Amino acid sequence: MDDCLFCKIIAGAIPCKKVFEDEDIFAFHDIHPAAPVHFMVIPKQHIASLVEVDASHRMLLGKMLALGSKLAIGEGCADGWRTVINTGRVGRQEVYHLHMHFIGGEQVLPGMAKR
């Protein structure tokens, strides 16, 4: 996608603080961190949101979660972290390229969302 912020980051057109990269996945620190540790894991393939995911994406999603877990521990979150996937307007998705937030480092996050 020519106008996708995350596709531009993957291509190197926009700088980032990269955590990891391989042929399928790119991980980088959030520019507006919600906690001492806050990075995102994204697929290199442009998938706009979780709404577009189907059974063909099983391996990719599993790889993203497993990698994110390994990276979170490596970033100092052995006691735990939060994983968030915002989906769509109501889910407060801001960039329409599937991404998983890994957030931790201390207990600065509130409990689960309440009505």
PDB file of N, CA and C in Angstrom:
ATOM      1  N   MET A   1       0.845  -1.188   0.000  1.00  0.00           N
ATOM      2  CA  MET A   1       0.000   0.000   0.000  1.00  0.00           C
ATOM      3  C   MET A   1       0.885   1.244   0.000  1.00  0.00           C
ATOM      4  N   ASP A   2       0.703   2.090  -0.983  1.00  0.00           N
ATOM      5  CA  ASP A   2       1.531   3.279  -1.122  1.00  0.00           C
ATOM      6  C   ASP A   2       1.340   4.293   0.002  1.00  0.00           C
ATOM      7  N   ASP A   3       0.139   4.387   0.547  1.00  0.00           N
ATOM      8  CA  ASP A   3      -0.134   5.403   1.559  1.00  0.00           C
ATOM      9  C   ASP A   3      -0.160   4.844   2.984  1.00  0.00           C
ATOM     10  N   CYS A   4       0.212   3.596   3.185  1.00  0.00           N
ATOM     11  CA  CYS A   4       0.177   2.971   4.509  1.00  0.00           C
ATOM     12  C   CYS A   4       1.445   3.317   5.291  1.00  0.00           C
ATOM     13  N   LEU A   5       1.252   3.918   6.461  1.00  0.00           N
ATOM     14  CA  LEU A   5       2.365   4.306   7.320  1.00  0.00           C
ATOM     15  C   LEU A   5       3.272   3.121   7.642  1.00  0.00           C
ATOM     16  N   PHE A   6       2.692   1.992   8.020  1.00  0.00           N
ATOM     17  CA  PHE A   6       3.511   0.845   8.401  1.00  0.00           C
ATOM     18  C   PHE A   6       4.213   0.218   7.197  1.00  0.00           C
ATOM     19  N   CYS A   7       3.599   0.229   6.036  1.00  0.00           N
ATOM     20  CA  CYS A   7       4.281  -0.258   4.830  1.00  0.00           C
ATOM     21  C   CYS A   7       5.495   0.627   4.525  1.00  0.00           C
ATOM     22  N   LYS A   8       5.370   1.921   4.759  1.00  0.00           N
ATOM     23  CA  LYS A   8       6.498   2.846   4.566  1.00  0.00           C
ATOM     24  C   LYS A   8       7.604   2.579   5.577  1.00  0.00           C
ATOM     25  N   ILE A   9       7.249   2.244   6.811  1.00  0.00           N
ATOM     26  CA  ILE A   9       8.251   1.894   7.820  1.00  0.00           C
ATOM     27  C   ILE A   9       8.979   0.619   7.412  1.00  0.00           C
ATOM     28  N   ILE A  10       8.241  -0.390   6.977  1.00  0.00           N
ATOM     29  CA  ILE A  10       8.850  -1.646   6.522  1.00  0.00           C
ATOM     30  C   ILE A  10       9.816  -1.387   5.371  1.00  0.00           C
ATOM     31  N   ALA A  11       9.434  -0.507   4.439  1.00  0.00           N
ATOM     32  CA  ALA A  11      10.259  -0.203   3.270  1.00  0.00           C
ATOM     33  C   ALA A  11      11.476   0.663   3.603  1.00  0.00           C
ATOM     34  N   GLY A  12      11.521   1.208   4.817  1.00  0.00           N
ATOM     35  CA  GLY A  12      12.636   2.058   5.208  1.00  0.00           C
ATOM     36  C   GLY A  12      12.460   3.520   4.848  1.00  0.00           C
ATOM     37  N   ALA A  13      11.285   3.882   4.327  1.00  0.00           N
ATOM     38  CA  ALA A  13      11.031   5.279   3.940  1.00  0.00           C
ATOM     39  C   ALA A  13      10.777   6.160   5.159  1.00  0.00           C
ATOM     40  N   ILE A  14      10.354   5.552   6.265  1.00  0.00           N
ATOM     41  CA  ILE A  14      10.142   6.265   7.525  1.00  0.00           C
ATOM     42  C   ILE A  14      10.995   5.558   8.572  1.00  0.00           C
ATOM     43  N   PRO A  15      11.838   6.304   9.287  1.00  0.00           N
ATOM     44  CA  PRO A  15      12.704   5.663  10.285  1.00  0.00           C
ATOM     45  C   PRO A  15      11.916   5.150  11.491  1.00  0.00           C
ATOM     46  N   CYS A  16      12.474   4.144  12.130  1.00  0.00           N
ATOM     47  CA  CYS A  16      11.880   3.595  13.344  1.00  0.00           C
ATOM     48  C   CYS A  16      12.988   2.981  14.186  1.00  0.00           C
ATOM     49  N   LYS A  17      12.641   2.641  15.407  1.00  0.00           N
ATOM     50  CA  LYS A  17      13.557   1.918  16.286  1.00  0.00           C
ATOM     51  C   LYS A  17      13.193   0.438  16.171  1.00  0.00           C
ATOM     52  N   LYS A  18      13.845  -0.224  15.226  1.00  0.00           N
ATOM     53  CA  LYS A  18      13.517  -1.614  14.899  1.00  0.00           C
ATOM     54  C   LYS A  18      13.952  -2.561  16.016  1.00  0.00           C
ATOM     55  N   VAL A  19      13.087  -3.534  16.291  1.00  0.00           N
ATOM     56  CA  VAL A  19      13.359  -4.565  17.282  1.00  0.00           C
ATOM     57  C   VAL A  19      13.718  -5.882  16.592  1.00  0.00           C
ATOM     58  N   PHE A  20      13.054  -6.159  15.462  1.00  0.00           N
ATOM     59  CA  PHE A  20      13.226  -7.445  14.780  1.00  0.00           C
ATOM     60  C   PHE A  20      12.720  -7.321  13.346  1.00  0.00           C
ATOM     61  N   GLU A  21      13.325  -8.127  12.468  1.00  0.00           N
ATOM     62  CA  GLU A  21      12.826  -8.238  11.094  1.00  0.00           C
ATOM     63  C   GLU A  21      13.235  -9.581  10.523  1.00  0.00           C
ATOM     64  N   ASP A  22      12.307 -10.229   9.824  1.00  0.00           N
ATOM     65  CA  ASP A  22      12.622 -11.392   9.004  1.00  0.00           C
ATOM     66  C   ASP A  22      11.803 -11.296   7.724  1.00  0.00           C
ATOM     67  N   GLU A  23      11.654 -12.378   6.997  1.00  0.00           N
ATOM     68  CA  GLU A  23      10.957 -12.323   5.707  1.00  0.00           C
ATOM     69  C   GLU A  23       9.455 -12.073   5.843  1.00  0.00           C
ATOM     70  N   ASP A  24       8.869 -12.363   7.014  1.00  0.00           N
ATOM     71  CA  ASP A  24       7.425 -12.248   7.207  1.00  0.00           C
ATOM     72  C   ASP A  24       6.984 -11.128   8.146  1.00  0.00           C
ATOM     73  N   ILE A  25       7.834 -10.789   9.097  1.00  0.00           N
ATOM     74  CA  ILE A  25       7.434  -9.952  10.239  1.00  0.00           C
ATOM     75  C   ILE A  25       8.416  -8.813  10.464  1.00  0.00           C
ATOM     76  N   PHE A  26       7.873  -7.714  10.964  1.00  0.00           N
ATOM     77  CA  PHE A  26       8.673  -6.544  11.334  1.00  0.00           C
ATOM     78  C   PHE A  26       8.195  -6.108  12.715  1.00  0.00           C
ATOM     79  N   ALA A  27       9.129  -5.803  13.614  1.00  0.00           N
ATOM     80  CA  ALA A  27       8.772  -5.337  14.956  1.00  0.00           C
ATOM     81  C   ALA A  27       9.555  -4.064  15.255  1.00  0.00           C
ATOM     82  N   PHE A  28       8.863  -3.091  15.873  1.00  0.00           N
ATOM     83  CA  PHE A  28       9.508  -1.815  16.171  1.00  0.00           C
ATOM     84  C   PHE A  28       8.834  -1.153  17.362  1.00  0.00           C
ATOM     85  N   HIS A  29       9.567  -0.249  18.015  1.00  0.00           N
ATOM     86  CA  HIS A  29       9.034   0.463  19.177  1.00  0.00           C
ATOM     87  C   HIS A  29       8.003   1.503  18.748  1.00  0.00           C
ATOM     88  N   ASP A  30       6.950   1.625  19.552  1.00  0.00           N
ATOM     89  CA  ASP A  30       5.904   2.628  19.319  1.00  0.00           C
ATOM     90  C   ASP A  30       6.483   4.018  19.556  1.00  0.00           C
ATOM     91  N   ILE A  31       6.139   4.980  18.704  1.00  0.00           N
ATOM     92  CA  ILE A  31       6.668   6.340  18.881  1.00  0.00           C
ATOM     93  C   ILE A  31       5.971   7.094  20.009  1.00  0.00           C
ATOM     94  N   HIS A  32       4.829   6.597  20.462  1.00  0.00           N
ATOM     95  CA  HIS A  32       4.111   7.174  21.604  1.00  0.00           C
ATOM     96  C   HIS A  32       3.853   6.059  22.623  1.00  0.00           C
ATOM     97  N   PRO A  33       4.901   5.608  23.321  1.00  0.00           N
ATOM     98  CA  PRO A  33       4.742   4.454  24.203  1.00  0.00           C
ATOM     99  C   PRO A  33       3.787   4.696  25.361  1.00  0.00           C
ATOM    100  N   ALA A  34       2.998   3.679  25.675  1.00  0.00           N
ATOM    101  CA  ALA A  34       2.052   3.714  26.790  1.00  0.00           C
ATOM    102  C   ALA A  34       2.679   3.192  28.076  1.00  0.00           C
ATOM    103  N   ALA A  35       3.888   2.648  27.978  1.00  0.00           N
ATOM    104  CA  ALA A  35       4.592   2.069  29.125  1.00  0.00           C
ATOM    105  C   ALA A  35       6.081   2.033  28.784  1.00  0.00           C
ATOM    106  N   PRO A  36       6.928   1.691  29.746  1.00  0.00           N
ATOM    107  CA  PRO A  36       8.367   1.639  29.464  1.00  0.00           C
ATOM    108  C   PRO A  36       8.729   0.712  28.307  1.00  0.00           C
ATOM    109  N   VAL A  37       7.993  -0.374  28.152  1.00  0.00           N
ATOM    110  CA  VAL A  37       8.176  -1.262  27.003  1.00  0.00           C
ATOM    111  C   VAL A  37       6.900  -1.191  26.178  1.00  0.00           C
ATOM    112  N   HIS A  38       7.033  -0.800  24.923  1.00  0.00           N
ATOM    113  CA  HIS A  38       5.869  -0.738  24.031  1.00  0.00           C
ATOM    114  C   HIS A  38       6.378  -0.850  22.600  1.00  0.00           C
ATOM    115  N   PHE A  39       6.203  -2.029  22.050  1.00  0.00           N
ATOM    116  CA  PHE A  39       6.594  -2.250  20.659  1.00  0.00           C
ATOM    117  C   PHE A  39       5.443  -2.916  19.925  1.00  0.00           C
ATOM    118  N   MET A  40       5.531  -2.897  18.606  1.00  0.00           N
ATOM    119  CA  MET A  40       4.503  -3.506  17.771  1.00  0.00           C
ATOM    120  C   MET A  40       5.116  -4.579  16.889  1.00  0.00           C
ATOM    121  N   VAL A  41       4.351  -5.606  16.642  1.00  0.00           N
ATOM    122  CA  VAL A  41       4.723  -6.670  15.717  1.00  0.00           C
ATOM    123  C   VAL A  41       3.710  -6.609  14.588  1.00  0.00           C
ATOM    124  N   ILE A  42       4.215  -6.487  13.360  1.00  0.00           N
ATOM    125  CA  ILE A  42       3.338  -6.360  12.192  1.00  0.00           C
ATOM    126  C   ILE A  42       3.755  -7.351  11.103  1.00  0.00           C
ATOM    127  N   PRO A  43       2.809  -7.773  10.292  1.00  0.00           N
ATOM    128  CA  PRO A  43       3.180  -8.597   9.144  1.00  0.00           C
ATOM    129  C   PRO A  43       3.721  -7.694   8.039  1.00  0.00           C
ATOM    130  N   LYS A  44       4.672  -8.202   7.279  1.00  0.00           N
ATOM    131  CA  LYS A  44       5.153  -7.434   6.126  1.00  0.00           C
ATOM    132  C   LYS A  44       4.074  -7.373   5.044  1.00  0.00           C
ATOM    133  N   GLN A  45       3.276  -8.409   4.969  1.00  0.00           N
ATOM    134  CA  GLN A  45       2.145  -8.423   4.037  1.00  0.00           C
ATOM    135  C   GLN A  45       1.125  -7.402   4.528  1.00  0.00           C
ATOM    136  N   HIS A  46       0.636  -6.557   3.645  1.00  0.00           N
ATOM    137  CA  HIS A  46      -0.363  -5.577   4.070  1.00  0.00           C
ATOM    138  C   HIS A  46      -1.703  -6.281   4.274  1.00  0.00           C
ATOM    139  N   ILE A  47      -2.115  -6.321   5.538  1.00  0.00           N
ATOM    140  CA  ILE A  47      -3.440  -6.804   5.937  1.00  0.00           C
ATOM    141  C   ILE A  47      -4.020  -5.645   6.730  1.00  0.00           C
ATOM    142  N   ALA A  48      -5.107  -5.070   6.284  1.00  0.00           N
ATOM    143  CA  ALA A  48      -5.619  -3.837   6.884  1.00  0.00           C
ATOM    144  C   ALA A  48      -5.995  -3.998   8.352  1.00  0.00           C
ATOM    145  N   SER A  49      -6.664  -5.086   8.703  1.00  0.00           N
ATOM    146  CA  SER A  49      -7.069  -5.279  10.096  1.00  0.00           C
ATOM    147  C   SER A  49      -7.383  -6.752  10.330  1.00  0.00           C
ATOM    148  N   LEU A  50      -7.697  -7.071  11.567  1.00  0.00           N
ATOM    149  CA  LEU A  50      -8.045  -8.439  11.928  1.00  0.00           C
ATOM    150  C   LEU A  50      -9.289  -8.915  11.180  1.00  0.00           C
ATOM    151  N   VAL A  51     -10.124  -7.981  10.713  1.00  0.00           N
ATOM    152  CA  VAL A  51     -11.318  -8.327   9.946  1.00  0.00           C
ATOM    153  C   VAL A  51     -10.955  -9.091   8.670  1.00  0.00           C
ATOM    154  N   GLU A  52      -9.806  -8.797   8.083  1.00  0.00           N
ATOM    155  CA  GLU A  52      -9.390  -9.423   6.828  1.00  0.00           C
ATOM    156  C   GLU A  52      -8.708 -10.771   6.999  1.00  0.00           C
ATOM    157  N   VAL A  53      -8.437 -11.162   8.229  1.00  0.00           N
ATOM    158  CA  VAL A  53      -7.724 -12.404   8.491  1.00  0.00           C
ATOM    159  C   VAL A  53      -8.636 -13.603   8.258  1.00  0.00           C
ATOM    160  N   ASP A  54      -8.069 -14.648   7.650  1.00  0.00           N
ATOM    161  CA  ASP A  54      -8.804 -15.903   7.467  1.00  0.00           C
ATOM    162  C   ASP A  54      -7.876 -17.062   7.802  1.00  0.00           C
ATOM    163  N   ALA A  55      -8.323 -18.274   7.546  1.00  0.00           N
ATOM    164  CA  ALA A  55      -7.553 -19.466   7.914  1.00  0.00           C
ATOM    165  C   ALA A  55      -6.174 -19.506   7.261  1.00  0.00           C
ATOM    166  N   SER A  56      -6.014 -18.859   6.135  1.00  0.00           N
ATOM    167  CA  SER A  56      -4.709 -18.862   5.463  1.00  0.00           C
ATOM    168  C   SER A  56      -3.657 -18.066   6.240  1.00  0.00           C
ATOM    169  N   HIS A  57      -4.070 -17.282   7.213  1.00  0.00           N
ATOM    170  CA  HIS A  57      -3.152 -16.454   8.000  1.00  0.00           C
ATOM    171  C   HIS A  57      -2.752 -17.097   9.334  1.00  0.00           C
ATOM    172  N   ARG A  58      -3.207 -18.330   9.580  1.00  0.00           N
ATOM    173  CA  ARG A  58      -2.931 -18.989  10.872  1.00  0.00           C
ATOM    174  C   ARG A  58      -1.459 -19.010  11.231  1.00  0.00           C
ATOM    175  N   MET A  59      -0.632 -19.452  10.327  1.00  0.00           N
ATOM    176  CA  MET A  59       0.808 -19.574  10.609  1.00  0.00           C
ATOM    177  C   MET A  59       1.428 -18.204  10.875  1.00  0.00           C
ATOM    178  N   LEU A  60       1.040 -17.215  10.102  1.00  0.00           N
ATOM    179  CA  LEU A  60       1.578 -15.868  10.279  1.00  0.00           C
ATOM    180  C   LEU A  60       1.191 -15.299  11.638  1.00  0.00           C
ATOM    181  N   LEU A  61      -0.075 -15.425  12.022  1.00  0.00           N
ATOM    182  CA  LEU A  61      -0.523 -14.902  13.313  1.00  0.00           C
ATOM    183  C   LEU A  61       0.153 -15.624  14.474  1.00  0.00           C
ATOM    184  N   GLY A  62       0.289 -16.923  14.359  1.00  0.00           N
ATOM    185  CA  GLY A  62       0.984 -17.682  15.396  1.00  0.00           C
ATOM    186  C   GLY A  62       2.439 -17.265  15.515  1.00  0.00           C
ATOM    187  N   LYS A  63       3.072 -17.055  14.376  1.00  0.00           N
ATOM    188  CA  LYS A  63       4.466 -16.610  14.375  1.00  0.00           C
ATOM    189  C   LYS A  63       4.588 -15.226  15.017  1.00  0.00           C
ATOM    190  N   MET A  64       3.639 -14.334  14.727  1.00  0.00           N
ATOM    191  CA  MET A  64       3.667 -12.990  15.312  1.00  0.00           C
ATOM    192  C   MET A  64       3.538 -13.048  16.826  1.00  0.00           C
ATOM    193  N   LEU A  65       2.608 -13.861  17.342  1.00  0.00           N
ATOM    194  CA  LEU A  65       2.422 -13.981  18.790  1.00  0.00           C
ATOM    195  C   LEU A  65       3.626 -14.625  19.465  1.00  0.00           C
ATOM    196  N   ALA A  66       4.143 -15.682  18.885  1.00  0.00           N
ATOM    197  CA  ALA A  66       5.306 -16.352  19.474  1.00  0.00           C
ATOM    198  C   ALA A  66       6.522 -15.429  19.478  1.00  0.00           C
ATOM    199  N   LEU A  67       6.733 -14.721  18.394  1.00  0.00           N
ATOM    200  CA  LEU A  67       7.853 -13.784  18.327  1.00  0.00           C
ATOM    201  C   LEU A  67       7.667 -12.652  19.331  1.00  0.00           C
ATOM    202  N   GLY A  68       6.456 -12.102  19.393  1.00  0.00           N
ATOM    203  CA  GLY A  68       6.185 -11.014  20.330  1.00  0.00           C
ATOM    204  C   GLY A  68       6.466 -11.421  21.755  1.00  0.00           C
ATOM    205  N   SER A  69       6.109 -12.636  22.114  1.00  0.00           N
ATOM    206  CA  SER A  69       6.367 -13.148  23.454  1.00  0.00           C
ATOM    207  C   SER A  69       7.870 -13.210  23.729  1.00  0.00           C
ATOM    208  N   LYS A  70       8.609 -13.743  22.790  1.00  0.00           N
ATOM    209  CA  LYS A  70      10.072 -13.833  22.929  1.00  0.00           C
ATOM    210  C   LYS A  70      10.688 -12.432  23.053  1.00  0.00           C
ATOM    211  N   LEU A  71      10.228 -11.504  22.219  1.00  0.00           N
ATOM    212  CA  LEU A  71      10.759 -10.143  22.263  1.00  0.00           C
ATOM    213  C   LEU A  71      10.396  -9.439  23.564  1.00  0.00           C
ATOM    214  N   ALA A  72       9.164  -9.630  24.058  1.00  0.00           N
ATOM    215  CA  ALA A  72       8.740  -8.999  25.312  1.00  0.00           C
ATOM    216  C   ALA A  72       9.624  -9.463  26.471  1.00  0.00           C
ATOM    217  N   ILE A  73       9.905 -10.744  26.531  1.00  0.00           N
ATOM    218  CA  ILE A  73      10.793 -11.261  27.574  1.00  0.00           C
ATOM    219  C   ILE A  73      12.177 -10.646  27.426  1.00  0.00           C
ATOM    220  N   GLY A  74      12.652 -10.561  26.184  1.00  0.00           N
ATOM    221  CA  GLY A  74      13.954  -9.956  25.917  1.00  0.00           C
ATOM    222  C   GLY A  74      14.029  -8.479  26.267  1.00  0.00           C
ATOM    223  N   GLU A  75      12.888  -7.815  26.235  1.00  0.00           N
ATOM    224  CA  GLU A  75      12.820  -6.383  26.569  1.00  0.00           C
ATOM    225  C   GLU A  75      12.654  -6.161  28.076  1.00  0.00           C
ATOM    226  N   GLY A  76      12.638  -7.247  28.851  1.00  0.00           N
ATOM    227  CA  GLY A  76      12.575  -7.118  30.302  1.00  0.00           C
ATOM    228  C   GLY A  76      11.207  -7.339  30.913  1.00  0.00           C
ATOM    229  N   CYS A  77      10.312  -7.960  30.190  1.00  0.00           N
ATOM    230  CA  CYS A  77       8.936  -8.145  30.683  1.00  0.00           C
ATOM    231  C   CYS A  77       8.667  -9.580  31.120  1.00  0.00           C
ATOM    232  N   ALA A  78       9.626 -10.216  31.762  1.00  0.00           N
ATOM    233  CA  ALA A  78       9.460 -11.605  32.177  1.00  0.00           C
ATOM    234  C   ALA A  78       8.274 -11.797  33.120  1.00  0.00           C
ATOM    235  N   ASP A  79       7.873 -10.742  33.852  1.00  0.00           N
ATOM    236  CA  ASP A  79       6.737 -10.847  34.770  1.00  0.00           C
ATOM    237  C   ASP A  79       5.401 -10.664  34.081  1.00  0.00           C
ATOM    238  N   GLY A  80       5.404 -10.321  32.800  1.00  0.00           N
ATOM    239  CA  GLY A  80       4.163 -10.188  32.046  1.00  0.00           C
ATOM    240  C   GLY A  80       4.088  -8.914  31.239  1.00  0.00           C
ATOM    241  N   TRP A  81       3.095  -8.856  30.389  1.00  0.00           N
ATOM    242  CA  TRP A  81       2.862  -7.734  29.491  1.00  0.00           C
ATOM    243  C   TRP A  81       1.441  -7.829  28.987  1.00  0.00           C
ATOM    244  N   ARG A  82       0.994  -6.814  28.304  1.00  0.00           N
ATOM    245  CA  ARG A  82      -0.320  -6.822  27.685  1.00  0.00           C
ATOM    246  C   ARG A  82      -0.119  -6.869  26.176  1.00  0.00           C
ATOM    247  N   THR A  83      -0.957  -7.662  25.513  1.00  0.00           N
ATOM    248  CA  THR A  83      -0.959  -7.736  24.053  1.00  0.00           C
ATOM    249  C   THR A  83      -2.300  -7.194  23.587  1.00  0.00           C
ATOM    250  N   VAL A  84      -2.264  -6.219  22.673  1.00  0.00           N
ATOM    251  CA  VAL A  84      -3.486  -5.555  22.220  1.00  0.00           C
ATOM    252  C   VAL A  84      -3.508  -5.536  20.696  1.00  0.00           C
ATOM    253  N   ILE A  85      -4.667  -5.874  20.140  1.00  0.00           N
ATOM    254  CA  ILE A  85      -4.911  -5.710  18.703  1.00  0.00           C
ATOM    255  C   ILE A  85      -6.164  -4.856  18.579  1.00  0.00           C
ATOM    256  N   ASN A  86      -5.998  -3.608  18.210  1.00  0.00           N
ATOM    257  CA  ASN A  86      -7.148  -2.731  17.976  1.00  0.00           C
ATOM    258  C   ASN A  86      -7.676  -3.025  16.577  1.00  0.00           C
ATOM    259  N   THR A  87      -8.990  -3.166  16.463  1.00  0.00           N
ATOM    260  CA  THR A  87      -9.578  -3.531  15.174  1.00  0.00           C
ATOM    261  C   THR A  87     -10.723  -2.598  14.830  1.00  0.00           C
ATOM    262  N   GLY A  88     -10.591  -1.899  13.717  1.00  0.00           N
ATOM    263  CA  GLY A  88     -11.650  -1.031  13.210  1.00  0.00           C
ATOM    264  C   GLY A  88     -11.838   0.249  14.005  1.00  0.00           C
ATOM    265  N   ARG A  89     -12.767   1.058  13.551  1.00  0.00           N
ATOM    266  CA  ARG A  89     -13.036   2.360  14.157  1.00  0.00           C
ATOM    267  C   ARG A  89     -13.444   2.234  15.617  1.00  0.00           C
ATOM    268  N   VAL A  90     -14.393   1.364  15.901  1.00  0.00           N
ATOM    269  CA  VAL A  90     -14.877   1.198  17.271  1.00  0.00           C
ATOM    270  C   VAL A  90     -13.771   0.625  18.167  1.00  0.00           C
ATOM    271  N   GLY A  91     -12.906  -0.205  17.613  1.00  0.00           N
ATOM    272  CA  GLY A  91     -11.779  -0.766  18.351  1.00  0.00           C
ATOM    273  C   GLY A  91     -10.597   0.182  18.451  1.00  0.00           C
ATOM    274  N   ARG A  92     -10.785   1.407  17.952  1.00  0.00           N
ATOM    275  CA  ARG A  92      -9.777   2.474  18.011  1.00  0.00           C
ATOM    276  C   ARG A  92      -8.501   2.165  17.242  1.00  0.00           C
ATOM    277  N   GLN A  93      -8.655   1.471  16.117  1.00  0.00           N
ATOM    278  CA  GLN A  93      -7.511   1.229  15.255  1.00  0.00           C
ATOM    279  C   GLN A  93      -7.162   2.540  14.558  1.00  0.00           C
ATOM    280  N   GLU A  94      -5.918   2.964  14.657  1.00  0.00           N
ATOM    281  CA  GLU A  94      -5.490   4.230  14.065  1.00  0.00           C
ATOM    282  C   GLU A  94      -4.771   4.031  12.741  1.00  0.00           C
ATOM    283  N   VAL A  95      -3.962   2.978  12.631  1.00  0.00           N
ATOM    284  CA  VAL A  95      -3.249   2.674  11.392  1.00  0.00           C
ATOM    285  C   VAL A  95      -3.846   1.389  10.843  1.00  0.00           C
ATOM    286  N   TYR A  96      -4.341   1.438   9.624  1.00  0.00           N
ATOM    287  CA  TYR A  96      -5.010   0.278   9.028  1.00  0.00           C
ATOM    288  C   TYR A  96      -4.013  -0.644   8.332  1.00  0.00           C
ATOM    289  N   HIS A  97      -3.166  -1.211   9.161  1.00  0.00           N
ATOM    290  CA  HIS A  97      -2.246  -2.294   8.828  1.00  0.00           C
ATOM    291  C   HIS A  97      -2.206  -3.120  10.108  1.00  0.00           C
ATOM    292  N   LEU A  98      -2.608  -4.378  10.041  1.00  0.00           N
ATOM    293  CA  LEU A  98      -2.685  -5.227  11.223  1.00  0.00           C
ATOM    294  C   LEU A  98      -1.430  -5.078  12.068  1.00  0.00           C
ATOM    295  N   HIS A  99      -1.614  -4.867  13.367  1.00  0.00           N
ATOM    296  CA  HIS A  99      -0.477  -4.771  14.278  1.00  0.00           C
ATOM    297  C   HIS A  99      -0.870  -5.205  15.674  1.00  0.00           C
ATOM    298  N   MET A 100       0.083  -5.821  16.345  1.00  0.00           N
ATOM    299  CA  MET A 100      -0.083  -6.274  17.724  1.00  0.00           C
ATOM    300  C   MET A 100       0.808  -5.408  18.597  1.00  0.00           C
ATOM    301  N   HIS A 101       0.211  -4.768  19.595  1.00  0.00           N
ATOM    302  CA  HIS A 101       0.981  -4.005  20.572  1.00  0.00           C
ATOM    303  C   HIS A 101       1.405  -4.943  21.692  1.00  0.00           C
ATOM    304  N   PHE A 102       2.657  -4.862  22.110  1.00  0.00           N
ATOM    305  CA  PHE A 102       3.166  -5.561  23.283  1.00  0.00           C
ATOM    306  C   PHE A 102       3.592  -4.477  24.258  1.00  0.00           C
ATOM    307  N   ILE A 103       2.911  -4.409  25.411  1.00  0.00           N
ATOM    308  CA  ILE A 103       3.051  -3.285  26.337  1.00  0.00           C
ATOM    309  C   ILE A 103       3.364  -3.831  27.729  1.00  0.00           C
ATOM    310  N   GLY A 104       4.436  -3.330  28.339  1.00  0.00           N
ATOM    311  CA  GLY A 104       4.787  -3.788  29.681  1.00  0.00           C
ATOM    312  C   GLY A 104       5.902  -2.963  30.283  1.00  0.00           C
ATOM    313  N   GLY A 105       6.546  -3.544  31.266  1.00  0.00           N
ATOM    314  CA  GLY A 105       7.652  -2.880  31.926  1.00  0.00           C
ATOM    315  C   GLY A 105       7.334  -2.478  33.355  1.00  0.00           C
ATOM    316  N   GLU A 106       6.091  -2.235  33.643  1.00  0.00           N
ATOM    317  CA  GLU A 106       5.612  -1.974  34.996  1.00  0.00           C
ATOM    318  C   GLU A 106       4.091  -1.918  34.941  1.00  0.00           C
ATOM    319  N   GLN A 107       3.465  -1.892  36.079  1.00  0.00           N
ATOM    320  CA  GLN A 107       2.005  -1.883  36.105  1.00  0.00           C
ATOM    321  C   GLN A 107       1.474  -0.461  35.994  1.00  0.00           C
ATOM    322  N   VAL A 108       1.566   0.087  34.798  1.00  0.00           N
ATOM    323  CA  VAL A 108       1.050   1.433  34.549  1.00  0.00           C
ATOM    324  C   VAL A 108      -0.270   1.392  33.799  1.00  0.00           C
ATOM    325  N   LEU A 109      -0.678   0.216  33.386  1.00  0.00           N
ATOM    326  CA  LEU A 109      -1.892   0.083  32.602  1.00  0.00           C
ATOM    327  C   LEU A 109      -3.081  -0.206  33.501  1.00  0.00           C
ATOM    328  N   PRO A 110      -4.234   0.363  33.194  1.00  0.00           N
ATOM    329  CA  PRO A 110      -5.427   0.069  33.984  1.00  0.00           C
ATOM    330  C   PRO A 110      -5.882  -1.358  33.748  1.00  0.00           C
ATOM    331  N   GLY A 111      -6.827  -1.804  34.559  1.00  0.00           N
ATOM    332  CA  GLY A 111      -7.426  -3.121  34.359  1.00  0.00           C
ATOM    333  C   GLY A 111      -8.170  -3.168  33.040  1.00  0.00           C
ATOM    334  N   MET A 112      -8.838  -4.265  32.809  1.00  0.00           N
ATOM    335  CA  MET A 112      -9.596  -4.418  31.562  1.00  0.00           C
ATOM    336  C   MET A 112     -10.651  -3.308  31.438  1.00  0.00           C
ATOM    337  N   ALA A 113     -10.993  -3.010  30.209  1.00  0.00           N
ATOM    338  CA  ALA A 113     -12.008  -1.970  29.940  1.00  0.00           C
ATOM    339  C   ALA A 113     -13.330  -2.348  30.597  1.00  0.00           C
ATOM    340  N   LYS A 114     -13.982  -1.356  31.170  1.00  0.00           N
ATOM    341  CA  LYS A 114     -15.264  -1.595  31.827  1.00  0.00           C
ATOM    342  C   LYS A 114     -16.329  -0.771  31.135  1.00  0.00           C
ATOM    343  N   ARG A 115     -17.558  -1.212  31.256  1.00  0.00           N
ATOM    344  CA  ARG A 115     -18.686  -0.475  30.675  1.00  0.00           C
ATOM    345  C   ARG A 115     -18.998   0.737  31.449  1.00  0.00           C
TER     346      ARG A 115
END
